[in-house]
């Protein structure tokens, strides 16, 4: 963890190439950015990269101040910002769990409690296996699962988390049954277990397994999206691999947000500032070096994505509870 933090710090110590005018006119003090995850993960990396490459938009002498608050699986940080004064001085990097936790009884706040500003990540879920796995294609993997219900071991980052729900969605749409193996410490241990040959597959985002795939230890079978993932353009979508559109599109996003009812003028300034950042070549290059595919989803588009996933997970979680 310390090594990753040092690498990130070194990467961000270079001069930020994007040149900003003083686009934020309202701040008279620092802006706190709550990161409801532990240091070193994808959410933390994307949040810190975003505010680092946006720092020149702040008035002279002021800064964005990151603050990791992972307590309660991040729920405490979400609640803190949702209940904060909507004045633009406290932001939070919400994650896709915001669309899940309310339906699981884990959080009292939803997307409606926030003003979305910009998405830093919106990576699709993907199925990854060992490089020497007998399943050479996604179809072979699904066919084997159908032939061996409940026997194919699929790792996830915890029951009820996005990758477990992605697996449940595959089960629902393809009429198959996995043996779900949770790794509550996160997807990293699940990937390590896969490399060690203890499980058959892991559902995660492409960036999380990039180093192992690049090293030839793992191999992707398919991505749960409407289009191929730019970092791995040879990997087919589920629709391509299976020859049918089953609506199996699931993504792990992180959206920087402020409390709901943020004044329109402040919202406009923040959305414009962070949109400029995510469009900049320097920011996009920095994200790709971390194995994160940059996206440009801001303002109303980010809000629509959050609501859509809130509704999707509501249906999926309610159905899973019936089983």
Protein backbone atom coordinates (compact mmCIF):
# COMPACT_ATOMS: atom_id res chain seq x y z
CA UNK A 1 0.00 0.00 0.00
CA UNK A 2 2.82 2.40 0.93
CA UNK A 3 4.65 1.51 -2.30
CA UNK A 4 1.56 2.30 -4.39
CA UNK A 5 1.07 5.60 -2.58
CA UNK A 6 4.71 6.54 -3.22
CA UNK A 7 4.40 5.65 -6.90
CA UNK A 8 1.25 7.76 -7.20
CA UNK A 9 2.89 10.66 -5.38
CA UNK A 10 5.86 10.50 -7.73
CA UNK A 11 3.58 10.39 -10.77
CA UNK A 12 1.70 13.45 -9.60
CA UNK A 13 4.79 15.40 -8.63
CA UNK A 14 5.43 16.33 -12.26
CA UNK A 15 4.29 19.69 -13.51
CA UNK A 16 0.62 19.50 -14.47
CA UNK A 17 0.45 20.31 -18.16
CA UNK A 18 -3.13 21.52 -18.28
CA UNK A 19 -3.23 25.31 -18.05
CA UNK A 20 -6.24 26.69 -16.19
CA UNK A 21 -7.55 30.18 -15.85
CA UNK A 22 -8.93 30.91 -12.37
CA UNK A 23 -12.18 29.19 -13.21
CA UNK A 24 -13.40 28.85 -9.61
CA UNK A 25 -14.45 32.25 -8.33
CA UNK A 26 -16.32 31.33 -5.15
CA UNK A 27 -13.71 29.66 -2.88
CA UNK A 28 -12.28 31.71 -0.03
CA UNK A 29 -10.95 28.61 1.74
CA UNK A 30 -9.76 25.11 0.88
CA UNK A 31 -12.21 22.58 -0.58
CA UNK A 32 -12.30 19.21 1.20
CA UNK A 33 -12.66 16.12 -0.99
CA UNK A 34 -13.82 13.10 0.99
CA UNK A 35 -12.63 9.75 -0.39
CA UNK A 36 -14.76 7.00 1.18
CA UNK A 37 -12.15 4.31 0.50
CA UNK A 38 -8.75 3.30 1.80
CA UNK A 39 -5.62 4.89 0.29
CA UNK A 40 -4.07 3.19 -2.71
CA UNK A 41 -7.13 1.74 -4.46
CA UNK A 42 -8.71 2.78 -7.74
CA UNK A 43 -11.15 5.23 -6.14
CA UNK A 44 -8.40 6.89 -4.13
CA UNK A 45 -6.09 7.05 -7.14
CA UNK A 46 -8.72 8.55 -9.44
CA UNK A 47 -9.86 11.09 -6.84
CA UNK A 48 -6.33 12.29 -6.09
CA UNK A 49 -5.41 12.41 -9.76
CA UNK A 50 -8.55 14.43 -10.56
CA UNK A 51 -7.97 17.07 -7.91
CA UNK A 52 -4.24 17.24 -8.63
CA UNK A 53 -4.88 18.01 -12.28
CA UNK A 54 -7.56 20.53 -11.30
CA UNK A 55 -5.49 22.40 -8.71
CA UNK A 56 -4.64 25.32 -10.99
CA UNK A 57 -8.34 26.19 -11.17
CA UNK A 58 -8.27 27.15 -7.50
CA UNK A 59 -7.61 30.74 -6.40
CA UNK A 60 -4.00 31.34 -5.42
CA UNK A 61 -3.13 29.95 -2.01
CA UNK A 62 -6.10 27.58 -1.85
CA UNK A 63 -6.23 23.86 -2.59
CA UNK A 64 -8.32 20.74 -2.77
CA UNK A 65 -7.67 18.68 0.37
CA UNK A 66 -8.21 14.90 0.05
CA UNK A 67 -9.46 13.09 3.16
CA UNK A 68 -9.82 9.30 3.23
CA UNK A 69 -12.83 8.19 5.28
CA UNK A 70 -13.40 4.46 4.66
CA UNK A 71 -15.34 3.75 7.87
CA UNK A 72 -18.45 1.64 7.41
CA UNK A 73 -17.39 0.67 3.90
CA UNK A 74 -17.45 4.35 3.01
CA UNK A 75 -20.98 4.99 4.21
CA UNK A 76 -19.86 7.35 6.97
CA UNK A 77 -18.12 9.62 4.46
CA UNK A 78 -21.13 9.61 2.14
CA UNK A 79 -23.48 10.56 4.98
CA UNK A 80 -21.14 13.31 6.16
CA UNK A 81 -21.11 15.03 2.77
CA UNK A 82 -24.80 14.42 2.07
CA UNK A 83 -25.63 16.26 5.30
CA UNK A 84 -23.05 19.02 4.84
CA UNK A 85 -23.95 22.58 3.92
CA UNK A 86 -24.28 22.78 0.10
CA UNK A 87 -21.76 25.57 -0.33
CA UNK A 88 -19.11 23.91 -2.51
CA UNK A 89 -16.55 23.42 0.27
CA UNK A 90 -17.12 19.71 0.85
CA UNK A 91 -17.14 17.19 -2.01
CA UNK A 92 -17.09 13.39 -2.05
CA UNK A 93 -16.01 10.75 -4.52
CA UNK A 94 -19.13 8.60 -4.58
CA UNK A 95 -18.83 5.07 -5.94
CA UNK A 96 -21.19 2.58 -7.53
CA UNK A 97 -21.95 1.18 -4.06
CA UNK A 98 -24.14 4.27 -3.63
CA UNK A 99 -26.52 2.60 -6.09
CA UNK A 100 -26.50 -0.66 -4.11
CA UNK A 101 -26.26 0.01 -0.39
CA UNK A 102 -29.67 1.69 0.04
CA UNK A 103 -31.38 -1.44 -1.33
CA UNK A 104 -29.33 -3.65 0.97
CA UNK A 105 -30.18 -1.64 4.08
CA UNK A 106 -26.58 -0.48 4.43
CA UNK A 107 -26.99 3.24 3.77
CA UNK A 108 -29.66 5.90 4.32
CA UNK A 109 -28.40 8.09 1.45
CA UNK A 110 -28.91 7.71 -2.31
CA UNK A 111 -27.91 9.49 -5.50
CA UNK A 112 -30.72 12.00 -4.79
CA UNK A 113 -28.74 13.31 -1.81
CA UNK A 114 -25.94 14.59 -4.06
CA UNK A 115 -25.18 16.99 -6.90
CA UNK A 116 -23.09 14.99 -9.41
CA UNK A 117 -20.17 16.89 -10.92
CA UNK A 118 -18.04 14.50 -12.98
CA UNK A 119 -17.28 10.80 -13.29
CA UNK A 120 -13.61 9.89 -12.93
CA UNK A 121 -14.19 6.19 -13.65
CA UNK A 122 -16.90 4.19 -15.38
CA UNK A 123 -15.20 0.88 -16.14
CA UNK A 124 -17.17 -2.18 -17.21
CA UNK A 125 -17.12 -5.43 -15.27
CA UNK A 126 -15.23 -8.25 -16.96
CA UNK A 127 -14.68 -11.99 -16.54
CA UNK A 128 -11.03 -12.98 -16.12
CA UNK A 129 -9.51 -16.47 -15.92
CA UNK A 130 -6.02 -17.93 -15.68
CA UNK A 131 -4.01 -17.81 -18.88
CA UNK A 132 -3.94 -21.61 -18.97
CA UNK A 133 -7.65 -21.98 -18.15
CA UNK A 134 -9.47 -24.63 -20.17
CA UNK A 135 -12.06 -21.97 -21.02
CA UNK A 136 -10.71 -20.22 -24.08
CA UNK A 137 -13.84 -18.18 -24.77
CA UNK A 138 -16.69 -16.74 -22.76
CA UNK A 139 -19.09 -19.17 -24.44
CA UNK A 140 -16.98 -22.13 -23.30
CA UNK A 141 -17.00 -20.75 -19.77
CA UNK A 142 -20.79 -20.31 -19.74
CA UNK A 143 -21.34 -23.73 -21.31
CA UNK A 144 -19.16 -25.32 -18.60
CA UNK A 145 -21.16 -23.50 -15.93
CA UNK A 146 -24.43 -24.78 -17.38
CA UNK A 147 -23.04 -28.31 -17.42
CA UNK A 148 -21.75 -28.03 -13.84
CA UNK A 149 -24.23 -25.91 -11.88
CA UNK A 150 -22.82 -24.55 -8.63
CA UNK A 151 -19.33 -25.93 -9.22
CA UNK A 152 -17.46 -23.20 -11.14
CA UNK A 153 -15.76 -21.03 -8.49
CA UNK A 154 -16.08 -17.31 -9.19
CA UNK A 155 -14.34 -14.86 -6.86
CA UNK A 156 -15.71 -11.46 -5.91
CA UNK A 157 -14.86 -8.56 -3.61
CA UNK A 158 -17.55 -9.43 -1.06
CA UNK A 159 -21.15 -10.61 -1.07
CA UNK A 160 -23.46 -7.79 -2.11
CA UNK A 161 -20.65 -5.76 -3.71
CA UNK A 162 -20.66 -4.90 -7.40
CA UNK A 163 -18.74 -7.93 -8.65
CA UNK A 164 -20.95 -10.34 -6.74
CA UNK A 165 -24.04 -8.60 -8.13
CA UNK A 166 -22.54 -8.76 -11.63
CA UNK A 167 -22.21 -12.52 -11.19
CA UNK A 168 -25.81 -12.73 -9.97
CA UNK A 169 -26.92 -10.80 -13.05
CA UNK A 170 -25.10 -13.28 -15.29
CA UNK A 171 -26.82 -16.12 -13.44
CA UNK A 172 -30.19 -14.44 -13.88
CA UNK A 173 -29.81 -13.64 -17.57
CA UNK A 174 -28.09 -16.88 -18.66
CA UNK A 175 -29.79 -19.36 -16.33
CA UNK A 176 -26.54 -20.59 -14.78
CA UNK A 177 -25.31 -21.08 -11.21
CA UNK A 178 -21.85 -20.20 -9.87
CA UNK A 179 -20.10 -21.12 -6.65
CA UNK A 180 -19.54 -17.60 -5.30
CA UNK A 181 -16.28 -17.15 -3.38
CA UNK A 182 -16.19 -13.81 -1.49
CA UNK A 183 -12.97 -11.98 -0.62
CA UNK A 184 -14.09 -9.29 1.78
CA UNK A 185 -10.66 -7.62 1.75
CA UNK A 186 -11.28 -6.58 -1.84
CA UNK A 187 -10.74 -7.73 -5.39
CA UNK A 188 -6.94 -7.86 -4.98
CA UNK A 189 -6.99 -11.05 -2.88
CA UNK A 190 -9.52 -12.57 -5.29
CA UNK A 191 -7.18 -11.96 -8.21
CA UNK A 192 -4.25 -13.40 -6.22
CA UNK A 193 -6.33 -16.51 -5.51
CA UNK A 194 -7.11 -16.83 -9.20
CA UNK A 195 -3.44 -16.57 -10.13
CA UNK A 196 -2.76 -19.28 -7.55
CA UNK A 197 -5.30 -21.58 -9.16
CA UNK A 198 -7.66 -21.72 -6.17
CA UNK A 199 -10.71 -20.46 -8.08
CA UNK A 200 -11.83 -20.62 -11.72
CA UNK A 201 -12.60 -16.98 -12.50
CA UNK A 202 -12.98 -13.50 -11.08
CA UNK A 203 -15.36 -10.73 -12.07
CA UNK A 204 -13.66 -7.34 -11.78
CA UNK A 205 -12.83 -4.28 -13.85
CA UNK A 206 -10.13 -4.63 -16.53
CA UNK A 207 -7.80 -2.19 -14.82
CA UNK A 208 -7.74 -4.21 -11.60
CA UNK A 209 -6.24 -7.21 -13.40
CA UNK A 210 -4.22 -5.31 -16.00
CA UNK A 211 -0.76 -6.05 -14.58
CA UNK A 212 -1.45 -9.79 -14.35
CA UNK A 213 -2.97 -9.87 -17.83
CA UNK A 214 -0.02 -7.91 -19.25
CA UNK A 215 2.34 -10.35 -17.53
CA UNK A 216 0.59 -13.29 -19.16
CA UNK A 217 -0.78 -14.81 -15.94
CA UNK A 218 -4.45 -14.03 -16.59
CA UNK A 219 -6.74 -13.63 -19.58
CA UNK A 220 -10.04 -11.76 -20.11
CA UNK A 221 -13.01 -13.58 -21.63
CA UNK A 222 -15.48 -10.73 -22.03
CA UNK A 223 -16.57 -7.29 -20.85
CA UNK A 224 -20.05 -6.36 -19.66
CA UNK A 225 -20.55 -3.30 -21.85
CA UNK A 226 -22.06 -2.18 -25.14
CA UNK A 227 -18.58 -1.61 -26.60
CA UNK A 228 -15.11 -3.04 -26.21
CA UNK A 229 -12.81 -1.62 -23.56
CA UNK A 230 -10.11 0.59 -25.08
CA UNK A 231 -7.27 -0.77 -22.92
CA UNK A 232 -8.04 -4.31 -24.14
CA UNK A 233 -9.63 -3.86 -27.58
CA UNK A 234 -9.30 -7.55 -28.51
CA UNK A 235 -11.59 -8.67 -25.67
CA UNK A 236 -15.18 -9.10 -26.90
CA UNK A 237 -18.29 -7.76 -25.23
CA UNK A 238 -20.76 -10.27 -23.81
CA UNK A 239 -23.07 -9.59 -26.74
CA UNK A 240 -20.31 -10.34 -29.25
CA UNK A 241 -19.08 -13.43 -27.42
CA UNK A 242 -22.51 -14.96 -26.82
CA UNK A 243 -24.26 -13.77 -29.96
CA UNK A 244 -27.17 -12.11 -28.17
CA UNK A 245 -27.94 -8.88 -26.35
CA UNK A 246 -28.97 -9.80 -22.82
CA UNK A 247 -28.62 -6.34 -21.28
CA UNK A 248 -25.63 -7.51 -19.24
CA UNK A 249 -23.99 -4.11 -19.00
CA UNK A 250 -22.51 -3.34 -15.58
CA UNK A 251 -19.94 -0.73 -14.65
CA UNK A 252 -17.91 0.34 -11.66
CA UNK A 253 -18.04 4.13 -11.50
CA UNK A 254 -16.74 6.86 -9.25
CA UNK A 255 -18.50 10.23 -9.47
CA UNK A 256 -17.24 13.34 -7.70
CA UNK A 257 -20.26 15.01 -6.11
CA UNK A 258 -21.37 17.76 -3.76
CA UNK A 259 -24.37 17.80 -1.43
CA UNK A 260 -27.79 18.11 -3.04
CA UNK A 261 -29.19 21.60 -3.63
CA UNK A 262 -25.80 23.05 -4.49
CA UNK A 263 -26.38 26.56 -5.88
CA UNK A 264 -26.54 26.65 -9.67
CA UNK A 265 -23.63 29.07 -10.07
CA UNK A 266 -21.30 26.89 -7.97
CA UNK A 267 -22.47 23.74 -9.73
CA UNK A 268 -21.75 25.33 -13.10
CA UNK A 269 -18.24 26.34 -12.06
CA UNK A 270 -17.33 22.95 -10.61
CA UNK A 271 -18.75 20.96 -13.53
CA UNK A 272 -16.90 23.17 -16.02
CA UNK A 273 -13.63 22.92 -14.09
CA UNK A 274 -13.66 19.15 -13.70
CA UNK A 275 -14.88 18.60 -17.26
CA UNK A 276 -11.87 20.58 -18.48
CA UNK A 277 -9.66 18.30 -16.39
CA UNK A 278 -11.05 14.97 -17.55
CA UNK A 279 -10.79 16.08 -21.18
CA UNK A 280 -7.14 17.11 -20.85
CA UNK A 281 -4.54 14.80 -22.46
CA UNK A 282 -2.29 15.01 -19.40
CA UNK A 283 -5.00 13.80 -17.05
CA UNK A 284 -6.06 11.03 -19.41
CA UNK A 285 -2.47 9.83 -19.79
CA UNK A 286 -2.01 9.83 -16.01
CA UNK A 287 -5.16 7.75 -15.53
CA UNK A 288 -4.19 5.22 -18.19
CA UNK A 289 -0.80 4.74 -16.55
CA UNK A 290 -2.72 3.64 -13.46
CA UNK A 291 -4.73 1.14 -15.53
CA UNK A 292 -7.85 3.33 -15.42
CA UNK A 293 -9.63 4.24 -18.66
CA UNK A 294 -10.63 7.93 -18.49
CA UNK A 295 -14.19 8.94 -19.31
CA UNK A 296 -16.00 12.22 -19.91
CA UNK A 297 -19.32 11.94 -18.09
CA UNK A 298 -20.28 15.16 -16.32
CA UNK A 299 -23.21 17.07 -14.89
CA UNK A 300 -26.60 15.81 -16.07
CA UNK A 301 -25.02 12.79 -17.81
CA UNK A 302 -23.40 11.69 -14.56
CA UNK A 303 -26.70 12.17 -12.73
CA UNK A 304 -28.51 10.04 -15.31
CA UNK A 305 -25.94 7.26 -14.97
CA UNK A 306 -26.28 7.24 -11.17
CA UNK A 307 -30.09 7.10 -11.32
CA UNK A 308 -30.06 4.36 -13.97
CA UNK A 309 -27.80 2.16 -11.86
CA UNK A 310 -29.82 2.91 -8.71
CA UNK A 311 -32.89 1.52 -10.47
CA UNK A 312 -30.98 -1.45 -11.95
CA UNK A 313 -29.56 -2.55 -8.61
CA UNK A 314 -32.91 -2.08 -6.91
CA UNK A 315 -34.44 -4.69 -9.21
CA UNK A 316 -31.42 -7.00 -9.07
CA UNK A 317 -31.08 -6.93 -5.29
CA UNK A 318 -34.80 -7.42 -4.72
CA UNK A 319 -34.72 -10.44 -7.02
CA UNK A 320 -31.63 -11.88 -5.33
CA UNK A 321 -33.36 -11.70 -1.94
CA UNK A 322 -36.12 -13.98 -3.22
CA UNK A 323 -33.67 -16.79 -3.85
